[in-house]
């Protein structure tokens, strides 16, 4: 898992498609879904950690971009 697209594909395997039209809201919802999948033991620890790292990095990048404007 290397991109946000990969996280979306992971969620899609479990029937979850997230698109609100707002990137930061999508990232937050995806993080919640990943946490829930891990909590109910549907995904491995490695996938959980990678997904959270990617989602949080992207959220931080968006915040930095917003702050720079």
PDB file of N, CA and C in Angstrom:
ATOM      1  N   UNK A   1       0.855  -1.168   0.000  1.00  0.00           N
ATOM      2  CA  UNK A   1       0.000   0.000   0.000  1.00  0.00           C
ATOM      3  C   UNK A   1       0.900   1.230   0.000  1.00  0.00           C
ATOM      4  N   UNK A   2       0.733   2.046  -1.054  1.00  0.00           N
ATOM      5  CA  UNK A   2       1.631   3.183  -1.203  1.00  0.00           C
ATOM      6  C   UNK A   2       0.925   4.517  -1.450  1.00  0.00           C
ATOM      7  N   UNK A   3      -0.360   4.473  -1.812  1.00  0.00           N
ATOM      8  CA  UNK A   3      -1.067   5.713  -2.142  1.00  0.00           C
ATOM      9  C   UNK A   3      -2.457   5.721  -1.513  1.00  0.00           C
ATOM     10  N   UNK A   4      -3.078   6.881  -1.558  1.00  0.00           N
ATOM     11  CA  UNK A   4      -4.454   7.005  -1.074  1.00  0.00           C
ATOM     12  C   UNK A   4      -5.375   6.134  -1.925  1.00  0.00           C
ATOM     13  N   UNK A   5      -5.061   6.025  -3.197  1.00  0.00           N
ATOM     14  CA  UNK A   5      -5.831   5.145  -4.078  1.00  0.00           C
ATOM     15  C   UNK A   5      -5.815   3.712  -3.533  1.00  0.00           C
ATOM     16  N   UNK A   6      -4.664   3.260  -3.060  1.00  0.00           N
ATOM     17  CA  UNK A   6      -4.554   1.916  -2.495  1.00  0.00           C
ATOM     18  C   UNK A   6      -5.444   1.765  -1.258  1.00  0.00           C
ATOM     19  N   UNK A   7      -5.520   2.818  -0.452  1.00  0.00           N
ATOM     20  CA  UNK A   7      -6.398   2.787   0.731  1.00  0.00           C
ATOM     21  C   UNK A   7      -7.851   2.695   0.276  1.00  0.00           C
ATOM     22  N   UNK A   8      -8.194   3.467  -0.753  1.00  0.00           N
ATOM     23  CA  UNK A   8      -9.558   3.397  -1.295  1.00  0.00           C
ATOM     24  C   UNK A   8      -9.887   1.989  -1.784  1.00  0.00           C
ATOM     25  N   UNK A   9      -8.919   1.344  -2.431  1.00  0.00           N
ATOM     26  CA  UNK A   9      -9.132  -0.016  -2.921  1.00  0.00           C
ATOM     27  C   UNK A   9      -9.292  -1.003  -1.763  1.00  0.00           C
ATOM     28  N   UNK A  10      -8.542  -0.804  -0.697  1.00  0.00           N
ATOM     29  CA  UNK A  10      -8.684  -1.635   0.499  1.00  0.00           C
ATOM     30  C   UNK A  10     -10.107  -1.523   1.039  1.00  0.00           C
ATOM     31  N   UNK A  11     -10.588  -0.300   1.181  1.00  0.00           N
ATOM     32  CA  UNK A  11     -11.939  -0.079   1.702  1.00  0.00           C
ATOM     33  C   UNK A  11     -12.990  -0.651   0.752  1.00  0.00           C
ATOM     34  N   UNK A  12     -12.733  -0.523  -0.535  1.00  0.00           N
ATOM     35  CA  UNK A  12     -13.672  -1.020  -1.536  1.00  0.00           C
ATOM     36  C   UNK A  12     -13.858  -2.535  -1.427  1.00  0.00           C
ATOM     37  N   UNK A  13     -12.787  -3.241  -1.051  1.00  0.00           N
ATOM     38  CA  UNK A  13     -12.879  -4.697  -0.868  1.00  0.00           C
ATOM     39  C   UNK A  13     -13.914  -5.060   0.195  1.00  0.00           C
ATOM     40  N   UNK A  14     -14.177  -4.126   1.109  1.00  0.00           N
ATOM     41  CA  UNK A  14     -15.151  -4.366   2.172  1.00  0.00           C
ATOM     42  C   UNK A  14     -16.463  -3.629   1.916  1.00  0.00           C
ATOM     43  N   UNK A  15     -16.635  -3.149   0.686  1.00  0.00           N
ATOM     44  CA  UNK A  15     -17.891  -2.521   0.302  1.00  0.00           C
ATOM     45  C   UNK A  15     -18.032  -1.071   0.709  1.00  0.00           C
ATOM     46  N   UNK A  16     -16.913  -0.417   1.027  1.00  0.00           N
ATOM     47  CA  UNK A  16     -16.960   0.972   1.463  1.00  0.00           C
ATOM     48  C   UNK A  16     -16.399   1.881   0.389  1.00  0.00           C
ATOM     49  N   UNK A  17     -17.233   2.795  -0.087  1.00  0.00           N
ATOM     50  CA  UNK A  17     -16.800   3.806  -1.054  1.00  0.00           C
ATOM     51  C   UNK A  17     -17.079   5.159  -0.428  1.00  0.00           C
ATOM     52  N   UNK A  18     -16.031   5.968  -0.335  1.00  0.00           N
ATOM     53  CA  UNK A  18     -16.161   7.271   0.315  1.00  0.00           C
ATOM     54  C   UNK A  18     -15.849   8.363  -0.694  1.00  0.00           C
ATOM     55  N   UNK A  19     -16.830   9.244  -0.891  1.00  0.00           N
ATOM     56  CA  UNK A  19     -16.616  10.424  -1.715  1.00  0.00           C
ATOM     57  C   UNK A  19     -17.610  11.491  -1.285  1.00  0.00           C
ATOM     58  N   UNK A  20     -17.108  12.517  -0.630  1.00  0.00           N
ATOM     59  CA  UNK A  20     -17.968  13.603  -0.173  1.00  0.00           C
ATOM     60  C   UNK A  20     -17.813  14.846  -1.044  1.00  0.00           C
ATOM     61  N   UNK A  21     -16.754  14.857  -1.853  1.00  0.00           N
ATOM     62  CA  UNK A  21     -16.471  16.040  -2.644  1.00  0.00           C
ATOM     63  C   UNK A  21     -15.494  16.963  -1.939  1.00  0.00           C
ATOM     64  N   UNK A  22     -15.179  16.659  -0.695  1.00  0.00           N
ATOM     65  CA  UNK A  22     -14.207  17.441   0.070  1.00  0.00           C
ATOM     66  C   UNK A  22     -13.095  16.501   0.516  1.00  0.00           C
ATOM     67  N   UNK A  23     -11.910  16.732   0.012  1.00  0.00           N
ATOM     68  CA  UNK A  23     -10.778  15.812   0.237  1.00  0.00           C
ATOM     69  C   UNK A  23     -10.501  15.569   1.720  1.00  0.00           C
ATOM     70  N   UNK A  24     -10.482  16.615   2.530  1.00  0.00           N
ATOM     71  CA  UNK A  24     -10.160  16.440   3.950  1.00  0.00           C
ATOM     72  C   UNK A  24     -11.232  15.610   4.662  1.00  0.00           C
ATOM     73  N   UNK A  25     -12.486  15.792   4.294  1.00  0.00           N
ATOM     74  CA  UNK A  25     -13.569  14.995   4.892  1.00  0.00           C
ATOM     75  C   UNK A  25     -13.450  13.538   4.458  1.00  0.00           C
ATOM     76  N   UNK A  26     -13.090  13.312   3.197  1.00  0.00           N
ATOM     77  CA  UNK A  26     -12.878  11.951   2.705  1.00  0.00           C
ATOM     78  C   UNK A  26     -11.782  11.254   3.509  1.00  0.00           C
ATOM     79  N   UNK A  27     -10.688  11.958   3.744  1.00  0.00           N
ATOM     80  CA  UNK A  27      -9.571  11.369   4.483  1.00  0.00           C
ATOM     81  C   UNK A  27      -9.979  11.006   5.909  1.00  0.00           C
ATOM     82  N   UNK A  28     -10.737  11.885   6.529  1.00  0.00           N
ATOM     83  CA  UNK A  28     -11.195  11.625   7.905  1.00  0.00           C
ATOM     84  C   UNK A  28     -12.125  10.405   7.950  1.00  0.00           C
ATOM     85  N   UNK A  29     -13.049  10.333   7.019  1.00  0.00           N
ATOM     86  CA  UNK A  29     -13.959   9.186   6.971  1.00  0.00           C
ATOM     87  C   UNK A  29     -13.218   7.891   6.665  1.00  0.00           C
ATOM     88  N   UNK A  30     -12.241   7.972   5.758  1.00  0.00           N
ATOM     89  CA  UNK A  30     -11.459   6.775   5.443  1.00  0.00           C
ATOM     90  C   UNK A  30     -10.672   6.303   6.666  1.00  0.00           C
ATOM     91  N   UNK A  31     -10.121   7.239   7.425  1.00  0.00           N
ATOM     92  CA  UNK A  31      -9.389   6.868   8.638  1.00  0.00           C
ATOM     93  C   UNK A  31     -10.312   6.162   9.627  1.00  0.00           C
ATOM     94  N   UNK A  32     -11.514   6.688   9.794  1.00  0.00           N
ATOM     95  CA  UNK A  32     -12.477   6.048  10.698  1.00  0.00           C
ATOM     96  C   UNK A  32     -12.828   4.638  10.238  1.00  0.00           C
ATOM     97  N   UNK A  33     -13.007   4.466   8.949  1.00  0.00           N
ATOM     98  CA  UNK A  33     -13.335   3.145   8.409  1.00  0.00           C
ATOM     99  C   UNK A  33     -12.191   2.155   8.591  1.00  0.00           C
ATOM    100  N   UNK A  34     -10.973   2.615   8.345  1.00  0.00           N
ATOM    101  CA  UNK A  34      -9.802   1.751   8.521  1.00  0.00           C
ATOM    102  C   UNK A  34      -9.685   1.322   9.984  1.00  0.00           C
ATOM    103  N   UNK A  35      -9.887   2.271  10.888  1.00  0.00           N
ATOM    104  CA  UNK A  35      -9.828   1.938  12.315  1.00  0.00           C
ATOM    105  C   UNK A  35     -10.880   0.898  12.686  1.00  0.00           C
ATOM    106  N   UNK A  36     -12.069   1.045  12.144  1.00  0.00           N
ATOM    107  CA  UNK A  36     -13.139   0.098  12.437  1.00  0.00           C
ATOM    108  C   UNK A  36     -12.826  -1.285  11.864  1.00  0.00           C
ATOM    109  N   UNK A  37     -12.317  -1.335  10.650  1.00  0.00           N
ATOM    110  CA  UNK A  37     -11.951  -2.625  10.056  1.00  0.00           C
ATOM    111  C   UNK A  37     -10.866  -3.322  10.877  1.00  0.00           C
ATOM    112  N   UNK A  38      -9.941  -2.540  11.384  1.00  0.00           N
ATOM    113  CA  UNK A  38      -8.889  -3.123  12.222  1.00  0.00           C
ATOM    114  C   UNK A  38      -9.473  -3.597  13.562  1.00  0.00           C
ATOM    115  N   UNK A  39     -10.345  -2.788  14.130  1.00  0.00           N
ATOM    116  CA  UNK A  39     -10.949  -3.127  15.428  1.00  0.00           C
ATOM    117  C   UNK A  39     -11.705  -4.455  15.363  1.00  0.00           C
ATOM    118  N   UNK A  40     -12.385  -4.698  14.241  1.00  0.00           N
ATOM    119  CA  UNK A  40     -13.136  -5.950  14.119  1.00  0.00           C
ATOM    120  C   UNK A  40     -12.317  -7.048  13.432  1.00  0.00           C
ATOM    121  N   UNK A  41     -11.008  -6.783  13.325  1.00  0.00           N
ATOM    122  CA  UNK A  41     -10.026  -7.758  12.845  1.00  0.00           C
ATOM    123  C   UNK A  41     -10.261  -8.209  11.402  1.00  0.00           C
ATOM    124  N   UNK A  42     -10.650  -7.270  10.556  1.00  0.00           N
ATOM    125  CA  UNK A  42     -10.827  -7.573   9.131  1.00  0.00           C
ATOM    126  C   UNK A  42      -9.564  -7.278   8.323  1.00  0.00           C
ATOM    127  N   UNK A  43      -8.671  -6.447   8.880  1.00  0.00           N
ATOM    128  CA  UNK A  43      -7.422  -6.154   8.185  1.00  0.00           C
ATOM    129  C   UNK A  43      -6.249  -6.414   9.114  1.00  0.00           C
ATOM    130  N   UNK A  44      -5.112  -6.689   8.512  1.00  0.00           N
ATOM    131  CA  UNK A  44      -3.885  -6.982   9.246  1.00  0.00           C
ATOM    132  C   UNK A  44      -3.298  -5.702   9.841  1.00  0.00           C
ATOM    133  N   UNK A  45      -2.501  -5.879  10.861  1.00  0.00           N
ATOM    134  CA  UNK A  45      -1.842  -4.748  11.520  1.00  0.00           C
ATOM    135  C   UNK A  45      -1.010  -3.941  10.525  1.00  0.00           C
ATOM    136  N   UNK A  46      -0.282  -4.620   9.653  1.00  0.00           N
ATOM    137  CA  UNK A  46       0.560  -3.948   8.674  1.00  0.00           C
ATOM    138  C   UNK A  46      -0.263  -3.039   7.754  1.00  0.00           C
ATOM    139  N   UNK A  47      -1.388  -3.545   7.253  1.00  0.00           N
ATOM    140  CA  UNK A  47      -2.257  -2.738   6.387  1.00  0.00           C
ATOM    141  C   UNK A  47      -2.848  -1.563   7.160  1.00  0.00           C
ATOM    142  N   UNK A  48      -3.222  -1.801   8.386  1.00  0.00           N
ATOM    143  CA  UNK A  48      -3.778  -0.751   9.248  1.00  0.00           C
ATOM    144  C   UNK A  48      -2.764   0.380   9.426  1.00  0.00           C
ATOM    145  N   UNK A  49      -1.542   0.019   9.772  1.00  0.00           N
ATOM    146  CA  UNK A  49      -0.510   1.024  10.016  1.00  0.00           C
ATOM    147  C   UNK A  49      -0.174   1.812   8.758  1.00  0.00           C
ATOM    148  N   UNK A  50      -0.016   1.117   7.649  1.00  0.00           N
ATOM    149  CA  UNK A  50       0.298   1.792   6.385  1.00  0.00           C
ATOM    150  C   UNK A  50      -0.821   2.735   5.964  1.00  0.00           C
ATOM    151  N   UNK A  51      -2.060   2.271   6.086  1.00  0.00           N
ATOM    152  CA  UNK A  51      -3.209   3.095   5.690  1.00  0.00           C
ATOM    153  C   UNK A  51      -3.293   4.357   6.543  1.00  0.00           C
ATOM    154  N   UNK A  52      -3.143   4.202   7.857  1.00  0.00           N
ATOM    155  CA  UNK A  52      -3.203   5.382   8.725  1.00  0.00           C
ATOM    156  C   UNK A  52      -2.085   6.359   8.419  1.00  0.00           C
ATOM    157  N   UNK A  53      -0.896   5.838   8.190  1.00  0.00           N
ATOM    158  CA  UNK A  53       0.234   6.711   7.864  1.00  0.00           C
ATOM    159  C   UNK A  53      -0.041   7.502   6.591  1.00  0.00           C
ATOM    160  N   UNK A  54      -0.506   6.831   5.558  1.00  0.00           N
ATOM    161  CA  UNK A  54      -0.813   7.508   4.301  1.00  0.00           C
ATOM    162  C   UNK A  54      -1.898   8.559   4.472  1.00  0.00           C
ATOM    163  N   UNK A  55      -2.962   8.203   5.171  1.00  0.00           N
ATOM    164  CA  UNK A  55      -4.076   9.130   5.358  1.00  0.00           C
ATOM    165  C   UNK A  55      -3.647  10.355   6.166  1.00  0.00           C
ATOM    166  N   UNK A  56      -2.868  10.143   7.197  1.00  0.00           N
ATOM    167  CA  UNK A  56      -2.430  11.264   8.035  1.00  0.00           C
ATOM    168  C   UNK A  56      -1.418  12.154   7.310  1.00  0.00           C
ATOM    169  N   UNK A  57      -0.536  11.547   6.503  1.00  0.00           N
ATOM    170  CA  UNK A  57       0.404  12.352   5.719  1.00  0.00           C
ATOM    171  C   UNK A  57      -0.339  13.232   4.726  1.00  0.00           C
ATOM    172  N   UNK A  58      -1.325  12.658   4.062  1.00  0.00           N
ATOM    173  CA  UNK A  58      -2.100  13.422   3.088  1.00  0.00           C
ATOM    174  C   UNK A  58      -2.890  14.530   3.772  1.00  0.00           C
ATOM    175  N   UNK A  59      -3.469  14.255   4.926  1.00  0.00           N
ATOM    176  CA  UNK A  59      -4.209  15.276   5.667  1.00  0.00           C
ATOM    177  C   UNK A  59      -3.267  16.412   6.086  1.00  0.00           C
ATOM    178  N   UNK A  60      -2.067  16.075   6.522  1.00  0.00           N
ATOM    179  CA  UNK A  60      -1.091  17.097   6.914  1.00  0.00           C
ATOM    180  C   UNK A  60      -0.674  17.926   5.697  1.00  0.00           C
ATOM    181  N   UNK A  61      -0.487  17.269   4.556  1.00  0.00           N
ATOM    182  CA  UNK A  61      -0.131  17.978   3.327  1.00  0.00           C
ATOM    183  C   UNK A  61      -1.222  18.975   2.940  1.00  0.00           C
ATOM    184  N   UNK A  62      -2.481  18.547   3.064  1.00  0.00           N
ATOM    185  CA  UNK A  62      -3.595  19.444   2.739  1.00  0.00           C
ATOM    186  C   UNK A  62      -3.649  20.640   3.687  1.00  0.00           C
ATOM    187  N   UNK A  63      -3.418  20.384   4.973  1.00  0.00           N
ATOM    188  CA  UNK A  63      -3.400  21.486   5.951  1.00  0.00           C
ATOM    189  C   UNK A  63      -2.277  22.475   5.643  1.00  0.00           C
ATOM    190  N   UNK A  64      -1.104  21.935   5.284  1.00  0.00           N
ATOM    191  CA  UNK A  64       0.028  22.795   4.961  1.00  0.00           C
ATOM    192  C   UNK A  64      -0.259  23.646   3.732  1.00  0.00           C
ATOM    193  N   UNK A  65      -0.883  23.034   2.720  1.00  0.00           N
ATOM    194  CA  UNK A  65      -1.242  23.774   1.508  1.00  0.00           C
ATOM    195  C   UNK A  65      -2.226  24.884   1.828  1.00  0.00           C
ATOM    196  N   UNK A  66      -3.203  24.555   2.652  1.00  0.00           N
ATOM    197  CA  UNK A  66      -4.230  25.528   3.012  1.00  0.00           C
ATOM    198  C   UNK A  66      -3.620  26.697   3.780  1.00  0.00           C
ATOM    199  N   UNK A  67      -2.669  26.376   4.668  1.00  0.00           N
ATOM    200  CA  UNK A  67      -2.006  27.408   5.455  1.00  0.00           C
ATOM    201  C   UNK A  67      -1.102  28.296   4.626  1.00  0.00           C
ATOM    202  N   UNK A  68      -0.572  27.771   3.539  1.00  0.00           N
ATOM    203  CA  UNK A  68       0.352  28.525   2.681  1.00  0.00           C
ATOM    204  C   UNK A  68      -0.372  29.521   1.792  1.00  0.00           C
ATOM    205  N   UNK A  69      -1.669  29.336   1.599  1.00  0.00           N
ATOM    206  CA  UNK A  69      -2.428  30.213   0.704  1.00  0.00           C
ATOM    207  C   UNK A  69      -2.779  31.523   1.356  1.00  0.00           C
TER     208      UNK A  69
END
